[in-house]
Amino acid sequence: MTVPLIDPFARTIDYLRVSVTDRCDFRCTYCMSEHMTFLPKKELLTLEELDRMCSTFVRMGVRKLRITGGEPLVRKGIMTFFEGMSRHLGDGLDELTLTTNGSQLERFAQPLWDAGVRRVNVSLDTLDPTKFKEITRWGSLDKVLRGIKAAQAAGMRVKVNVVALKNFNDVELFDLLAWAAAEDLDLTFIEVMPMGDMGEVQRLDQYWPLKDLRAQLAQRFTLTELTYKTGGPARYFEVGETGQRLGFITPLTHNFCESCNRVRVTCTGELYMCLGQEDMADLREPLRASEADAGLEDAIRAAIARKPKGHDFDYSRQEVAGQMTRHMSHTGG
């Protein structure tokens, strides 16, 4: 029996988020600059290497695996990876899922269902086609909405993730809530995080604290906190008047680090023990150094032993403290 992954603060690490590519077919203004320089393909882990690495984590106690990017569904041949990982479902792995921008979901919804994906998170920040084009730079709202419908038709539960952005989607709060209720979608709001250099975009101008958003909702609705958990950082509430479930991810106004059970691996094999810290461990070197997994397992255990208590994100002093130099698309959403 493999010893489970326990960090220095007695937290069991059983949730792995893996970025399979840093590339994306959108250029969302809070995620990446318009003219991104992407990694050379030789630096990326191959799909076979990603399978071997993820399988090692599952063997070491990971029970939930979320595939991210960039946009994971633009990675060539990605379904072979999902199909391969599905062999672990019911045999160590409880859930295989992904976060997507929805652009390729219409095409991949049924194959993903066939590979055992039962839930999907779709990032969508506005229902206004003009504003959608503005924030994604390259995206089509209609295509994303068709993708959501396709995922639902395949049988998947869809959760829509909305990054709360001041002076952008704050005026759409009640429209988003009503739309999610009508379409039977779960909805989660996320505070914008200080990740990467955005050029002309200023983090403080974008930051809309979710405590303010909740206060706005509470003027019209009854919010009751739920014990419901999905293994991630969201706190969930029931909206009394509609019966829908609403999530809040608040890395800045309500630090959730005390219960952190997850780590992230980039598409180049860098293991980040905390999204909001720069410390990382290189897993690509031990992965490629030997066909045996002992060195890889040792590297994983040594990294988990360095997992910090929490992150340093902070906007409270009217400056962006704890900002990460890497882009969110590199680490994985």
C-alpha atoms as a PDB file:
ATOM      1  CA  MET A   1       0.000   0.000   0.000  1.00  0.00           C
ATOM      2  CA  THR A   2       1.453   3.371  -1.055  1.00  0.00           C
ATOM      3  CA  VAL A   3       1.780   5.947   1.727  1.00  0.00           C
ATOM      4  CA  PRO A   4      -0.577   8.876   0.977  1.00  0.00           C
ATOM      5  CA  LEU A   5       0.749  12.333   0.177  1.00  0.00           C
ATOM      6  CA  ILE A   6       0.646  14.407   3.393  1.00  0.00           C
ATOM      7  CA  ASP A   7       2.060  17.943   3.503  1.00  0.00           C
ATOM      8  CA  PRO A   8       3.804  19.576   6.516  1.00  0.00           C
ATOM      9  CA  PHE A   9       0.456  20.899   7.797  1.00  0.00           C
ATOM     10  CA  ALA A  10      -1.185  17.449   7.882  1.00  0.00           C
ATOM     11  CA  ARG A  11      -3.240  18.132   4.737  1.00  0.00           C
ATOM     12  CA  THR A  12      -3.810  15.105   2.511  1.00  0.00           C
ATOM     13  CA  ILE A  13      -3.010  15.976  -1.104  1.00  0.00           C
ATOM     14  CA  ASP A  14      -5.532  14.098  -3.228  1.00  0.00           C
ATOM     15  CA  TYR A  15      -6.393  16.620  -5.959  1.00  0.00           C
ATOM     16  CA  LEU A  16      -4.125  17.247  -8.950  1.00  0.00           C
ATOM     17  CA  ARG A  17      -4.630  19.936 -11.577  1.00  0.00           C
ATOM     18  CA  VAL A  18      -2.596  19.330 -14.727  1.00  0.00           C
ATOM     19  CA  SER A  19      -2.030  21.807 -17.526  1.00  0.00           C
ATOM     20  CA  VAL A  20      -1.635  19.932 -20.798  1.00  0.00           C
ATOM     21  CA  THR A  21      -0.763  23.019 -22.868  1.00  0.00           C
ATOM     22  CA  ASP A  22      -0.015  26.714 -22.402  1.00  0.00           C
ATOM     23  CA  ARG A  23      -1.707  27.470 -25.724  1.00  0.00           C
ATOM     24  CA  CYS A  24      -5.206  28.844 -26.045  1.00  0.00           C
ATOM     25  CA  ASP A  25      -7.530  29.996 -28.810  1.00  0.00           C
ATOM     26  CA  PHE A  26      -8.618  32.986 -26.659  1.00  0.00           C
ATOM     27  CA  ARG A  27      -6.510  35.833 -25.268  1.00  0.00           C
ATOM     28  CA  CYS A  28      -8.511  36.772 -22.171  1.00  0.00           C
ATOM     29  CA  THR A  29      -7.352  40.115 -20.829  1.00  0.00           C
ATOM     30  CA  TYR A  30      -6.912  38.918 -17.222  1.00  0.00           C
ATOM     31  CA  CYS A  31      -5.098  35.717 -18.242  1.00  0.00           C
ATOM     32  CA  MET A  32      -2.574  36.533 -20.959  1.00  0.00           C
ATOM     33  CA  SER A  33      -1.295  39.293 -23.185  1.00  0.00           C
ATOM     34  CA  GLU A  34      -2.563  39.463 -26.767  1.00  0.00           C
ATOM     35  CA  HIS A  35       0.804  38.625 -28.301  1.00  0.00           C
ATOM     36  CA  MET A  36       1.878  35.682 -26.171  1.00  0.00           C
ATOM     37  CA  THR A  37       5.092  33.775 -26.726  1.00  0.00           C
ATOM     38  CA  PHE A  38       4.261  30.123 -26.212  1.00  0.00           C
ATOM     39  CA  LEU A  39       6.646  27.398 -25.132  1.00  0.00           C
ATOM     40  CA  PRO A  40       8.594  25.388 -27.718  1.00  0.00           C
ATOM     41  CA  LYS A  41       6.903  22.024 -28.207  1.00  0.00           C
ATOM     42  CA  LYS A  42      10.034  20.108 -27.168  1.00  0.00           C
ATOM     43  CA  GLU A  43       9.684  21.566 -23.657  1.00  0.00           C
ATOM     44  CA  LEU A  44       6.169  20.192 -23.239  1.00  0.00           C
ATOM     45  CA  LEU A  45       5.560  16.787 -21.761  1.00  0.00           C
ATOM     46  CA  THR A  46       4.301  14.363 -24.378  1.00  0.00           C
ATOM     47  CA  LEU A  47       0.837  12.887 -23.893  1.00  0.00           C
ATOM     48  CA  GLU A  48       2.521   9.609 -22.936  1.00  0.00           C
ATOM     49  CA  GLU A  49       4.638  11.399 -20.323  1.00  0.00           C
ATOM     50  CA  LEU A  50       1.554  13.174 -18.976  1.00  0.00           C
ATOM     51  CA  ASP A  51      -0.192   9.810 -18.677  1.00  0.00           C
ATOM     52  CA  ARG A  52       2.745   8.265 -16.814  1.00  0.00           C
ATOM     53  CA  MET A  53       3.069  11.254 -14.473  1.00  0.00           C
ATOM     54  CA  CYS A  54      -0.670  11.414 -13.686  1.00  0.00           C
ATOM     55  CA  SER A  55      -0.809   7.650 -13.201  1.00  0.00           C
ATOM     56  CA  THR A  56       2.027   7.968 -10.669  1.00  0.00           C
ATOM     57  CA  PHE A  57       0.073  10.624  -8.755  1.00  0.00           C
ATOM     58  CA  VAL A  58      -3.039   8.397  -8.762  1.00  0.00           C
ATOM     59  CA  ARG A  59      -0.956   5.520  -7.421  1.00  0.00           C
ATOM     60  CA  MET A  60       0.264   7.888  -4.672  1.00  0.00           C
ATOM     61  CA  GLY A  61      -3.252   8.817  -3.563  1.00  0.00           C
ATOM     62  CA  VAL A  62      -4.633  11.456  -5.933  1.00  0.00           C
ATOM     63  CA  ARG A  63      -8.377  10.854  -6.287  1.00  0.00           C
ATOM     64  CA  LYS A  64      -9.427  13.859  -8.379  1.00  0.00           C
ATOM     65  CA  LEU A  65      -7.722  14.884 -11.609  1.00  0.00           C
ATOM     66  CA  ARG A  66      -8.607  18.140 -13.364  1.00  0.00           C
ATOM     67  CA  ILE A  67      -7.169  18.834 -16.810  1.00  0.00           C
ATOM     68  CA  THR A  68      -6.501  22.495 -17.599  1.00  0.00           C
ATOM     69  CA  GLY A  69      -4.483  24.712 -19.916  1.00  0.00           C
ATOM     70  CA  GLY A  70      -4.262  27.172 -21.665  1.00  0.00           C
ATOM     71  CA  GLU A  71      -7.202  25.544 -23.369  1.00  0.00           C
ATOM     72  CA  PRO A  72      -6.795  21.771 -22.915  1.00  0.00           C
ATOM     73  CA  LEU A  73      -8.950  20.832 -25.898  1.00  0.00           C
ATOM     74  CA  VAL A  74      -6.637  22.577 -28.401  1.00  0.00           C
ATOM     75  CA  ARG A  75      -3.847  20.088 -27.566  1.00  0.00           C
ATOM     76  CA  LYS A  76      -3.477  17.772 -30.561  1.00  0.00           C
ATOM     77  CA  GLY A  77      -4.552  14.210 -29.752  1.00  0.00           C
ATOM     78  CA  ILE A  78      -5.830  15.159 -26.288  1.00  0.00           C
ATOM     79  CA  MET A  79      -8.636  12.594 -26.355  1.00  0.00           C
ATOM     80  CA  THR A  80      -6.090   9.767 -26.331  1.00  0.00           C
ATOM     81  CA  PHE A  81      -4.918  11.152 -22.982  1.00  0.00           C
ATOM     82  CA  PHE A  82      -8.462  11.323 -21.547  1.00  0.00           C
ATOM     83  CA  GLU A  83      -9.205   7.828 -22.839  1.00  0.00           C
ATOM     84  CA  GLY A  84      -6.001   6.555 -21.240  1.00  0.00           C
ATOM     85  CA  MET A  85      -6.661   8.181 -17.881  1.00  0.00           C
ATOM     86  CA  SER A  86     -10.204   6.798 -17.777  1.00  0.00           C
ATOM     87  CA  ARG A  87      -8.722   3.393 -16.903  1.00  0.00           C
ATOM     88  CA  HIS A  88      -8.061   4.708 -13.382  1.00  0.00           C
ATOM     89  CA  LEU A  89     -11.699   5.659 -12.719  1.00  0.00           C
ATOM     90  CA  GLY A  90     -13.029   3.345 -10.025  1.00  0.00           C
ATOM     91  CA  ASP A  91      -9.489   2.077  -9.483  1.00  0.00           C
ATOM     92  CA  GLY A  92      -7.952   4.876  -7.405  1.00  0.00           C
ATOM     93  CA  LEU A  93      -9.410   7.834  -9.261  1.00  0.00           C
ATOM     94  CA  ASP A  94     -12.841   9.153  -8.242  1.00  0.00           C
ATOM     95  CA  GLU A  95     -13.152  11.913 -10.814  1.00  0.00           C
ATOM     96  CA  LEU A  96     -11.642  12.930 -14.139  1.00  0.00           C
ATOM     97  CA  THR A  97     -12.688  16.408 -15.211  1.00  0.00           C
ATOM     98  CA  LEU A  98     -11.546  19.552 -16.981  1.00  0.00           C
ATOM     99  CA  THR A  99     -11.752  23.326 -17.092  1.00  0.00           C
ATOM    100  CA  THR A 100     -12.306  24.751 -20.565  1.00  0.00           C
ATOM    101  CA  ASN A 101     -13.194  27.996 -22.303  1.00  0.00           C
ATOM    102  CA  GLY A 102     -15.926  26.053 -24.112  1.00  0.00           C
ATOM    103  CA  SER A 103     -14.727  26.874 -27.620  1.00  0.00           C
ATOM    104  CA  GLN A 104     -14.140  23.211 -28.554  1.00  0.00           C
ATOM    105  CA  LEU A 105     -16.805  21.669 -26.331  1.00  0.00           C
ATOM    106  CA  GLU A 106     -19.424  21.182 -29.023  1.00  0.00           C
ATOM    107  CA  ARG A 107     -16.973  18.905 -30.830  1.00  0.00           C
ATOM    108  CA  PHE A 108     -15.580  17.058 -27.800  1.00  0.00           C
ATOM    109  CA  ALA A 109     -18.552  16.761 -25.408  1.00  0.00           C
ATOM    110  CA  GLN A 110     -19.597  13.235 -26.382  1.00  0.00           C
ATOM    111  CA  PRO A 111     -16.047  11.788 -26.537  1.00  0.00           C
ATOM    112  CA  LEU A 112     -15.334  13.310 -23.108  1.00  0.00           C
ATOM    113  CA  TRP A 113     -18.479  11.697 -21.680  1.00  0.00           C
ATOM    114  CA  ASP A 114     -17.440   8.386 -23.238  1.00  0.00           C
ATOM    115  CA  ALA A 115     -14.050   8.752 -21.471  1.00  0.00           C
ATOM    116  CA  GLY A 116     -15.741   9.103 -18.079  1.00  0.00           C
ATOM    117  CA  VAL A 117     -15.907  12.887 -17.692  1.00  0.00           C
ATOM    118  CA  ARG A 118     -19.106  13.657 -15.772  1.00  0.00           C
ATOM    119  CA  ARG A 119     -18.566  17.318 -14.836  1.00  0.00           C
ATOM    120  CA  VAL A 120     -16.970  20.184 -16.707  1.00  0.00           C
ATOM    121  CA  ASN A 121     -16.138  23.765 -15.712  1.00  0.00           C
ATOM    122  CA  VAL A 122     -16.608  26.391 -18.413  1.00  0.00           C
ATOM    123  CA  SER A 123     -15.012  29.817 -18.021  1.00  0.00           C
ATOM    124  CA  LEU A 124     -17.496  32.480 -19.143  1.00  0.00           C
ATOM    125  CA  ASP A 125     -17.433  36.065 -17.867  1.00  0.00           C
ATOM    126  CA  THR A 126     -20.217  37.805 -19.773  1.00  0.00           C
ATOM    127  CA  LEU A 127     -23.396  37.114 -21.741  1.00  0.00           C
ATOM    128  CA  ASP A 128     -22.921  40.202 -23.900  1.00  0.00           C
ATOM    129  CA  PRO A 129     -21.410  39.169 -27.290  1.00  0.00           C
ATOM    130  CA  THR A 130     -19.611  42.509 -27.718  1.00  0.00           C
ATOM    131  CA  LYS A 131     -18.098  42.403 -24.229  1.00  0.00           C
ATOM    132  CA  PHE A 132     -17.249  38.724 -24.691  1.00  0.00           C
ATOM    133  CA  LYS A 133     -15.254  39.606 -27.810  1.00  0.00           C
ATOM    134  CA  GLU A 134     -13.618  42.452 -25.898  1.00  0.00           C
ATOM    135  CA  ILE A 135     -12.458  40.337 -22.956  1.00  0.00           C
ATOM    136  CA  THR A 136     -11.467  37.184 -24.898  1.00  0.00           C
ATOM    137  CA  ARG A 137     -10.114  39.229 -27.835  1.00  0.00           C
ATOM    138  CA  TRP A 138     -10.577  36.238 -30.175  1.00  0.00           C
ATOM    139  CA  GLY A 139     -13.602  34.321 -28.860  1.00  0.00           C
ATOM    140  CA  SER A 140     -17.180  33.699 -30.034  1.00  0.00           C
ATOM    141  CA  LEU A 141     -19.895  33.677 -27.361  1.00  0.00           C
ATOM    142  CA  ASP A 142     -22.302  31.728 -29.565  1.00  0.00           C
ATOM    143  CA  LYS A 143     -19.756  28.937 -29.987  1.00  0.00           C
ATOM    144  CA  VAL A 144     -19.275  28.663 -26.213  1.00  0.00           C
ATOM    145  CA  LEU A 145     -23.025  28.577 -25.555  1.00  0.00           C
ATOM    146  CA  ARG A 146     -23.406  25.779 -28.138  1.00  0.00           C
ATOM    147  CA  GLY A 147     -20.593  23.929 -26.370  1.00  0.00           C
ATOM    148  CA  ILE A 148     -22.378  24.195 -23.018  1.00  0.00           C
ATOM    149  CA  LYS A 149     -25.571  22.815 -24.597  1.00  0.00           C
ATOM    150  CA  ALA A 150     -23.602  19.941 -26.138  1.00  0.00           C
ATOM    151  CA  ALA A 151     -22.034  19.056 -22.782  1.00  0.00           C
ATOM    152  CA  GLN A 152     -25.465  19.028 -21.124  1.00  0.00           C
ATOM    153  CA  ALA A 153     -26.897  16.924 -23.956  1.00  0.00           C
ATOM    154  CA  ALA A 154     -24.084  14.393 -23.472  1.00  0.00           C
ATOM    155  CA  GLY A 155     -25.072  14.119 -19.796  1.00  0.00           C
ATOM    156  CA  MET A 156     -22.433  16.256 -18.130  1.00  0.00           C
ATOM    157  CA  ARG A 157     -23.080  18.620 -15.246  1.00  0.00           C
ATOM    158  CA  VAL A 158     -21.782  22.048 -16.270  1.00  0.00           C
ATOM    159  CA  LYS A 159     -20.439  24.654 -13.867  1.00  0.00           C
ATOM    160  CA  VAL A 160     -19.835  28.143 -15.220  1.00  0.00           C
ATOM    161  CA  ASN A 161     -16.882  30.006 -13.711  1.00  0.00           C
ATOM    162  CA  VAL A 162     -17.156  33.801 -13.814  1.00  0.00           C
ATOM    163  CA  VAL A 163     -14.150  35.962 -12.963  1.00  0.00           C
ATOM    164  CA  ALA A 164     -15.594  38.970 -11.131  1.00  0.00           C
ATOM    165  CA  LEU A 165     -14.320  42.098 -12.892  1.00  0.00           C
ATOM    166  CA  LYS A 166     -15.130  45.610 -11.722  1.00  0.00           C
ATOM    167  CA  ASN A 167     -16.487  47.953 -14.383  1.00  0.00           C
ATOM    168  CA  PHE A 168     -16.967  44.986 -16.709  1.00  0.00           C
ATOM    169  CA  ASN A 169     -19.402  42.293 -15.584  1.00  0.00           C
ATOM    170  CA  ASP A 170     -20.528  43.802 -12.270  1.00  0.00           C
ATOM    171  CA  VAL A 171     -23.619  45.159 -14.070  1.00  0.00           C
ATOM    172  CA  GLU A 172     -24.478  41.618 -15.231  1.00  0.00           C
ATOM    173  CA  LEU A 173     -24.611  39.999 -11.803  1.00  0.00           C
ATOM    174  CA  PHE A 174     -28.370  39.390 -11.717  1.00  0.00           C
ATOM    175  CA  ASP A 175     -28.537  38.534 -15.429  1.00  0.00           C
ATOM    176  CA  LEU A 176     -25.879  35.846 -14.972  1.00  0.00           C
ATOM    177  CA  LEU A 177     -27.716  34.433 -11.967  1.00  0.00           C
ATOM    178  CA  ALA A 178     -31.047  34.306 -13.809  1.00  0.00           C
ATOM    179  CA  TRP A 179     -29.469  32.746 -16.906  1.00  0.00           C
ATOM    180  CA  ALA A 180     -27.730  30.016 -14.873  1.00  0.00           C
ATOM    181  CA  ALA A 181     -30.982  29.208 -13.057  1.00  0.00           C
ATOM    182  CA  ALA A 182     -32.947  29.014 -16.326  1.00  0.00           C
ATOM    183  CA  GLU A 183     -30.333  26.796 -17.996  1.00  0.00           C
ATOM    184  CA  ASP A 184     -29.781  24.537 -14.931  1.00  0.00           C
ATOM    185  CA  LEU A 185     -26.124  25.500 -14.642  1.00  0.00           C
ATOM    186  CA  ASP A 186     -24.062  25.764 -11.477  1.00  0.00           C
ATOM    187  CA  LEU A 187     -22.404  29.160 -11.161  1.00  0.00           C
ATOM    188  CA  THR A 188     -19.193  30.131  -9.374  1.00  0.00           C
ATOM    189  CA  PHE A 189     -17.676  33.591  -9.054  1.00  0.00           C
ATOM    190  CA  ILE A 190     -13.888  33.940  -8.766  1.00  0.00           C
ATOM    191  CA  GLU A 191     -11.802  36.895  -7.630  1.00  0.00           C
ATOM    192  CA  VAL A 192      -9.228  37.998 -10.189  1.00  0.00           C
ATOM    193  CA  MET A 193      -5.754  36.815  -9.142  1.00  0.00           C
ATOM    194  CA  PRO A 194      -2.444  38.650  -9.652  1.00  0.00           C
ATOM    195  CA  MET A 195      -0.889  36.292 -12.198  1.00  0.00           C
ATOM    196  CA  GLY A 196       1.475  37.498 -14.938  1.00  0.00           C
ATOM    197  CA  ASP A 197       2.194  40.827 -16.577  1.00  0.00           C
ATOM    198  CA  MET A 198      -0.897  42.043 -18.431  1.00  0.00           C
ATOM    199  CA  GLY A 199       0.700  45.088 -20.043  1.00  0.00           C
ATOM    200  CA  GLU A 200      -1.910  47.834 -20.127  1.00  0.00           C
ATOM    201  CA  VAL A 201      -4.357  45.980 -17.847  1.00  0.00           C
ATOM    202  CA  GLN A 202      -4.222  47.043 -14.194  1.00  0.00           C
ATOM    203  CA  ARG A 203      -5.144  44.445 -11.571  1.00  0.00           C
ATOM    204  CA  LEU A 204      -6.460  46.954  -9.056  1.00  0.00           C
ATOM    205  CA  ASP A 205      -8.792  48.406 -11.695  1.00  0.00           C
ATOM    206  CA  GLN A 206     -10.188  44.898 -12.343  1.00  0.00           C
ATOM    207  CA  TYR A 207     -10.505  43.701  -8.745  1.00  0.00           C
ATOM    208  CA  TRP A 208     -14.106  43.285  -7.548  1.00  0.00           C
ATOM    209  CA  PRO A 209     -14.106  41.754  -4.034  1.00  0.00           C
ATOM    210  CA  LEU A 210     -16.649  38.951  -3.751  1.00  0.00           C
ATOM    211  CA  LYS A 211     -17.759  40.244  -0.353  1.00  0.00           C
ATOM    212  CA  ASP A 212     -19.143  43.248  -2.246  1.00  0.00           C
ATOM    213  CA  LEU A 213     -20.747  40.969  -4.827  1.00  0.00           C
ATOM    214  CA  ARG A 214     -22.357  38.858  -2.096  1.00  0.00           C
ATOM    215  CA  ALA A 215     -23.643  41.955  -0.329  1.00  0.00           C
ATOM    216  CA  GLN A 216     -25.278  43.027  -3.583  1.00  0.00           C
ATOM    217  CA  LEU A 217     -26.903  39.616  -4.002  1.00  0.00           C
ATOM    218  CA  ALA A 218     -28.092  39.593  -0.389  1.00  0.00           C
ATOM    219  CA  GLN A 219     -30.161  42.723  -1.043  1.00  0.00           C
ATOM    220  CA  ARG A 220     -32.365  40.677  -3.358  1.00  0.00           C
ATOM    221  CA  PHE A 221     -31.846  37.023  -2.394  1.00  0.00           C
ATOM    222  CA  THR A 222     -31.468  34.780   0.639  1.00  0.00           C
ATOM    223  CA  LEU A 223     -28.056  33.069   0.635  1.00  0.00           C
ATOM    224  CA  THR A 224     -27.571  30.028   2.870  1.00  0.00           C
ATOM    225  CA  GLU A 225     -24.121  28.448   3.144  1.00  0.00           C
ATOM    226  CA  LEU A 226     -23.997  24.761   2.220  1.00  0.00           C
ATOM    227  CA  THR A 227     -21.720  21.957   3.380  1.00  0.00           C
ATOM    228  CA  TYR A 228     -21.467  20.807  -0.256  1.00  0.00           C
ATOM    229  CA  LYS A 229     -17.888  20.354  -1.497  1.00  0.00           C
ATOM    230  CA  THR A 230     -16.369  19.322  -4.827  1.00  0.00           C
ATOM    231  CA  GLY A 231     -12.798  18.973  -3.573  1.00  0.00           C
ATOM    232  CA  GLY A 232     -11.854  22.449  -4.755  1.00  0.00           C
ATOM    233  CA  PRO A 233     -11.603  25.850  -3.047  1.00  0.00           C
ATOM    234  CA  ALA A 234     -15.167  27.099  -3.632  1.00  0.00           C
ATOM    235  CA  ARG A 235     -17.606  27.802  -0.794  1.00  0.00           C
ATOM    236  CA  TYR A 236     -21.169  27.075  -1.873  1.00  0.00           C
ATOM    237  CA  PHE A 237     -24.458  28.791  -1.041  1.00  0.00           C
ATOM    238  CA  GLU A 238     -28.054  28.068  -1.919  1.00  0.00           C
ATOM    239  CA  VAL A 239     -30.079  30.918  -3.383  1.00  0.00           C
ATOM    240  CA  GLY A 240     -33.343  30.556  -1.486  1.00  0.00           C
ATOM    241  CA  GLU A 241     -35.599  32.169  -4.081  1.00  0.00           C
ATOM    242  CA  THR A 242     -34.334  30.093  -7.040  1.00  0.00           C
ATOM    243  CA  GLY A 243     -32.991  26.957  -5.339  1.00  0.00           C
ATOM    244  CA  GLN A 244     -29.772  27.161  -7.339  1.00  0.00           C
ATOM    245  CA  ARG A 245     -26.269  26.512  -6.014  1.00  0.00           C
ATOM    246  CA  LEU A 246     -23.803  29.373  -6.123  1.00  0.00           C
ATOM    247  CA  GLY A 247     -20.061  29.145  -5.493  1.00  0.00           C
ATOM    248  CA  PHE A 248     -17.489  31.711  -4.432  1.00  0.00           C
ATOM    249  CA  ILE A 249     -13.722  31.338  -4.836  1.00  0.00           C
ATOM    250  CA  THR A 250     -12.090  34.055  -2.765  1.00  0.00           C
ATOM    251  CA  PRO A 251      -8.285  33.790  -2.672  1.00  0.00           C
ATOM    252  CA  LEU A 252      -8.046  37.425  -1.539  1.00  0.00           C
ATOM    253  CA  THR A 253     -11.018  38.313   0.687  1.00  0.00           C
ATOM    254  CA  HIS A 254     -11.341  34.889   2.323  1.00  0.00           C
ATOM    255  CA  ASN A 255      -8.171  32.853   2.175  1.00  0.00           C
ATOM    256  CA  PHE A 256      -9.018  29.139   1.791  1.00  0.00           C
ATOM    257  CA  CYS A 257      -5.472  27.825   2.274  1.00  0.00           C
ATOM    258  CA  GLU A 258      -6.128  26.002   5.550  1.00  0.00           C
ATOM    259  CA  SER A 259      -8.004  23.252   3.699  1.00  0.00           C
ATOM    260  CA  CYS A 260      -5.873  23.159   0.534  1.00  0.00           C
ATOM    261  CA  ASN A 261      -5.689  19.599  -0.782  1.00  0.00           C
ATOM    262  CA  ARG A 262      -4.290  20.276  -4.260  1.00  0.00           C
ATOM    263  CA  VAL A 263      -1.160  20.818  -6.277  1.00  0.00           C
ATOM    264  CA  ARG A 264      -0.625  21.853  -9.897  1.00  0.00           C
ATOM    265  CA  VAL A 265       1.627  20.500 -12.613  1.00  0.00           C
ATOM    266  CA  THR A 266       2.423  22.587 -15.678  1.00  0.00           C
ATOM    267  CA  CYS A 267       2.645  21.297 -19.235  1.00  0.00           C
ATOM    268  CA  THR A 268       6.453  21.289 -18.853  1.00  0.00           C
ATOM    269  CA  GLY A 269       6.378  19.129 -15.722  1.00  0.00           C
ATOM    270  CA  GLU A 270       6.854  21.831 -13.088  1.00  0.00           C
ATOM    271  CA  LEU A 271       5.037  20.942  -9.879  1.00  0.00           C
ATOM    272  CA  TYR A 272       3.705  24.004  -8.048  1.00  0.00           C
ATOM    273  CA  MET A 273       2.711  23.225  -4.488  1.00  0.00           C
ATOM    274  CA  CYS A 274       0.843  26.567  -4.254  1.00  0.00           C
ATOM    275  CA  LEU A 275      -0.694  28.706  -6.990  1.00  0.00           C
ATOM    276  CA  GLY A 276       0.382  31.845  -5.134  1.00  0.00           C
ATOM    277  CA  GLN A 277       4.033  30.941  -4.509  1.00  0.00           C
ATOM    278  CA  GLU A 278       6.958  30.688  -6.920  1.00  0.00           C
ATOM    279  CA  ASP A 279       8.485  27.539  -5.373  1.00  0.00           C
ATOM    280  CA  MET A 280       8.259  24.565  -7.694  1.00  0.00           C
ATOM    281  CA  ALA A 281       9.798  21.175  -8.351  1.00  0.00           C
ATOM    282  CA  ASP A 282      10.951  19.842 -11.713  1.00  0.00           C
ATOM    283  CA  LEU A 283       9.277  16.512 -12.477  1.00  0.00           C
ATOM    284  CA  ARG A 284      10.315  16.388 -16.131  1.00  0.00           C
ATOM    285  CA  GLU A 285      13.928  15.545 -15.312  1.00  0.00           C
ATOM    286  CA  PRO A 286      13.207  12.439 -13.165  1.00  0.00           C
ATOM    287  CA  LEU A 287      10.407  11.457 -15.566  1.00  0.00           C
ATOM    288  CA  ARG A 288      12.810  11.408 -18.510  1.00  0.00           C
ATOM    289  CA  ALA A 289      15.837  10.136 -16.584  1.00  0.00           C
ATOM    290  CA  SER A 290      14.471   6.636 -16.036  1.00  0.00           C
ATOM    291  CA  GLU A 291      11.716   4.333 -17.215  1.00  0.00           C
ATOM    292  CA  ALA A 292      11.239   3.345 -13.573  1.00  0.00           C
ATOM    293  CA  ASP A 293       9.041   5.607 -11.443  1.00  0.00           C
ATOM    294  CA  ALA A 294      11.053   5.553  -8.194  1.00  0.00           C
ATOM    295  CA  GLY A 295      12.883   8.825  -8.933  1.00  0.00           C
ATOM    296  CA  LEU A 296       9.636  10.512  -9.970  1.00  0.00           C
ATOM    297  CA  GLU A 297       7.913   9.368  -6.772  1.00  0.00           C
ATOM    298  CA  ASP A 298      10.833  10.645  -4.667  1.00  0.00           C
ATOM    299  CA  ALA A 299      10.667  14.035  -6.401  1.00  0.00           C
ATOM    300  CA  ILE A 300       6.920  14.266  -5.777  1.00  0.00           C
ATOM    301  CA  ARG A 301       7.265  13.391  -2.081  1.00  0.00           C
ATOM    302  CA  ALA A 302      10.132  15.859  -1.612  1.00  0.00           C
ATOM    303  CA  ALA A 303       8.014  18.612  -3.204  1.00  0.00           C
ATOM    304  CA  ILE A 304       4.925  17.903  -1.084  1.00  0.00           C
ATOM    305  CA  ALA A 305       7.165  18.148   1.981  1.00  0.00           C
ATOM    306  CA  ARG A 306       7.785  21.800   0.956  1.00  0.00           C
ATOM    307  CA  LYS A 307       4.147  22.737   0.420  1.00  0.00           C
ATOM    308  CA  PRO A 308       3.623  26.126   2.149  1.00  0.00           C
ATOM    309  CA  LYS A 309       0.818  26.972   4.515  1.00  0.00           C
ATOM    310  CA  GLY A 310      -0.698  29.483   2.104  1.00  0.00           C
ATOM    311  CA  HIS A 311      -0.295  32.133  -0.560  1.00  0.00           C
ATOM    312  CA  ASP A 312       0.589  35.826  -0.327  1.00  0.00           C
ATOM    313  CA  PHE A 313      -1.998  37.411  -2.636  1.00  0.00           C
ATOM    314  CA  ASP A 314      -3.026  40.804  -1.263  1.00  0.00           C
ATOM    315  CA  TYR A 315      -4.614  43.962  -2.705  1.00  0.00           C
ATOM    316  CA  SER A 316      -5.458  45.583   0.637  1.00  0.00           C
ATOM    317  CA  ARG A 317      -2.699  48.200   0.564  1.00  0.00           C
ATOM    318  CA  GLN A 318      -3.781  49.464  -2.895  1.00  0.00           C
ATOM    319  CA  GLU A 319      -0.915  47.676  -4.521  1.00  0.00           C
ATOM    320  CA  VAL A 320      -0.646  44.193  -5.958  1.00  0.00           C
ATOM    321  CA  ALA A 321       1.251  42.197  -3.345  1.00  0.00           C
ATOM    322  CA  GLY A 322       2.195  38.589  -3.952  1.00  0.00           C
ATOM    323  CA  GLN A 323       1.984  38.977  -7.737  1.00  0.00           C
ATOM    324  CA  MET A 324       3.202  35.971  -9.702  1.00  0.00           C
ATOM    325  CA  THR A 325       5.423  36.579 -12.734  1.00  0.00           C
ATOM    326  CA  ARG A 326       4.090  33.515 -14.570  1.00  0.00           C
ATOM    327  CA  HIS A 327       0.821  33.673 -16.458  1.00  0.00           C
ATOM    328  CA  MET A 328      -2.216  31.675 -15.380  1.00  0.00           C
ATOM    329  CA  SER A 329      -2.125  29.882 -18.732  1.00  0.00           C
ATOM    330  CA  HIS A 330       1.325  28.522 -17.832  1.00  0.00           C
ATOM    331  CA  THR A 331       0.393  27.155 -14.420  1.00  0.00           C
ATOM    332  CA  GLY A 332      -3.057  25.980 -15.392  1.00  0.00           C
ATOM    333  CA  GLY A 333      -6.389  27.505 -14.431  1.00  0.00           C
END
